[in-house]
Protein backbone atom coordinates (compact mmCIF):
# COMPACT_ATOMS: atom_id res chain seq x y z
CA UNK A 1 65.09 95.98 -88.07
CA UNK A 2 62.90 92.97 -88.80
CA UNK A 3 60.67 93.74 -85.83
CA UNK A 4 59.92 97.15 -87.40
CA UNK A 5 58.85 95.50 -90.66
CA UNK A 6 56.72 92.99 -88.75
CA UNK A 7 55.07 95.73 -86.68
CA UNK A 8 54.34 97.72 -89.85
CA UNK A 9 52.71 94.69 -91.47
CA UNK A 10 50.54 94.11 -88.40
CA UNK A 11 49.46 97.76 -88.30
CA UNK A 12 48.60 97.80 -92.02
CA UNK A 13 46.69 94.50 -91.77
CA UNK A 14 44.70 95.79 -88.76
CA UNK A 15 43.90 99.04 -90.57
CA UNK A 16 42.73 97.13 -93.67
CA UNK A 17 40.55 94.81 -91.59
CA UNK A 18 38.90 97.73 -89.77
CA UNK A 19 38.27 99.57 -93.05
CA UNK A 20 36.76 96.45 -94.63
CA UNK A 21 34.61 95.75 -91.56
CA UNK A 22 33.16 99.24 -91.42
CA UNK A 23 32.61 99.93 -95.13
CA UNK A 24 28.81 99.63 -94.81
CA UNK A 25 28.75 101.98 -91.82
CA UNK A 26 30.84 104.54 -93.69
CA UNK A 27 28.74 104.21 -96.88
CA UNK A 28 25.42 104.75 -95.11
CA UNK A 29 26.92 107.48 -92.95
CA UNK A 30 28.12 109.40 -96.00
CA UNK A 31 24.90 108.85 -97.98
CA UNK A 32 22.49 109.88 -95.22
CA UNK A 33 24.88 112.56 -93.98
CA UNK A 34 24.89 114.17 -97.43
CA UNK A 35 21.10 113.94 -97.65
CA UNK A 36 20.67 115.74 -94.31
CA UNK A 37 23.83 117.86 -94.53
CA UNK A 38 25.13 116.59 -91.19
CA UNK A 39 28.51 115.09 -90.44
CA UNK A 40 28.86 111.39 -91.20
CA UNK A 41 30.09 110.44 -87.68
CA UNK A 42 26.70 111.48 -86.27
CA UNK A 43 25.00 109.00 -88.60
CA UNK A 44 27.68 106.36 -88.04
CA UNK A 45 27.00 106.50 -84.30
CA UNK A 46 23.40 105.46 -84.98
CA UNK A 47 24.50 102.63 -87.24
CA UNK A 48 27.07 101.28 -84.82
CA UNK A 49 24.43 101.22 -82.09
CA UNK A 50 22.14 99.22 -84.41
CA UNK A 51 24.73 96.51 -84.96
CA UNK A 52 26.63 95.20 -87.96
CA UNK A 53 23.89 92.94 -89.32
CA UNK A 54 21.20 95.64 -89.45
CA UNK A 55 23.68 98.17 -90.81
CA UNK A 56 24.67 95.82 -93.63
CA UNK A 57 21.00 95.23 -94.44
CA UNK A 58 20.31 98.97 -94.57
CA UNK A 59 23.43 99.57 -96.70
CA UNK A 60 22.37 96.91 -99.20
CA UNK A 61 18.88 98.39 -99.42
CA UNK A 62 20.24 101.89 -99.98
CA UNK A 63 22.54 100.58 -102.71
CA UNK A 64 19.59 98.82 -104.40
CA UNK A 65 16.96 101.57 -104.05
CA UNK A 66 18.81 104.80 -103.19
CA UNK A 67 15.94 107.26 -103.50
CA UNK A 68 13.24 105.29 -101.69
CA UNK A 69 15.48 104.06 -98.87
CA UNK A 70 16.85 107.48 -97.91
CA UNK A 71 13.53 108.29 -96.20
CA UNK A 72 13.74 105.05 -94.22
CA UNK A 73 17.33 105.76 -93.19
CA UNK A 74 16.38 109.30 -92.17
CA UNK A 75 13.52 107.91 -90.07
CA UNK A 76 15.99 105.55 -88.37
CA UNK A 77 18.28 108.46 -87.52
CA UNK A 78 15.36 110.60 -86.32
CA UNK A 79 13.96 107.88 -84.04
CA UNK A 80 17.41 107.16 -82.63
CA UNK A 81 18.08 110.83 -81.92
CA UNK A 82 14.72 111.16 -80.15
CA UNK A 83 15.42 108.09 -78.03
CA UNK A 84 18.93 109.31 -77.25
CA UNK A 85 17.95 112.86 -76.32
CA UNK A 86 14.27 113.67 -75.76
CA UNK A 87 14.89 117.37 -75.15
CA UNK A 88 12.34 119.41 -77.18
CA UNK A 89 15.14 121.54 -78.67
CA UNK A 90 16.91 118.46 -80.02
CA UNK A 91 13.70 117.02 -81.47
CA UNK A 92 12.83 120.33 -83.14
CA UNK A 93 16.36 120.71 -84.55
CA UNK A 94 16.22 117.28 -86.19
CA UNK A 95 12.65 117.84 -87.39
CA UNK A 96 13.63 121.17 -88.97
CA UNK A 97 16.75 119.64 -90.55
CA UNK A 98 14.74 116.80 -92.09
CA UNK A 99 11.95 119.03 -93.38
CA UNK A 100 14.48 121.56 -94.73
CA UNK A 101 15.84 118.82 -97.01
CA UNK A 102 12.36 117.98 -98.32
CA UNK A 103 11.93 114.74 -96.41
CA UNK A 104 9.09 113.76 -94.11
CA UNK A 105 9.63 114.03 -90.36
CA UNK A 106 6.27 112.43 -89.55
CA UNK A 107 6.59 109.11 -87.78
CA UNK A 108 4.00 106.38 -87.60
CA UNK A 109 3.82 103.20 -85.53
CA UNK A 110 5.88 101.23 -88.05
CA UNK A 111 8.79 103.63 -87.70
CA UNK A 112 9.37 102.69 -84.07
CA UNK A 113 10.33 99.19 -85.22
CA UNK A 114 13.02 100.52 -87.56
CA UNK A 115 15.55 101.17 -84.83
CA UNK A 116 16.71 98.27 -82.75
CA UNK A 117 19.55 99.42 -80.56
CA UNK A 118 21.41 96.55 -78.96
């Protein structure tokens, strides 16, 4: 009986730690996902590849300046998706999705430094 209570406590503590550790990833994923009307796990994949420190920095910037930082976050996602899959159909799909939402899909040389995938 006591082992069941102990196992439950361990499971709940692990769940709480994971939720607390990924709150920035989930926040940015939901915010950018809503802006582009794509599922949050697609955005979260980009953020997890960037690493916790850069994700936290991006989350803090989006919380501070939500309107101006959405374009930067969208550029990060766009660059990552191009690097991940260079197929012209994929690039055009993301470009159309971004432009459909009224954001700029044009990238300049500074945008390539936005994504640092570890």
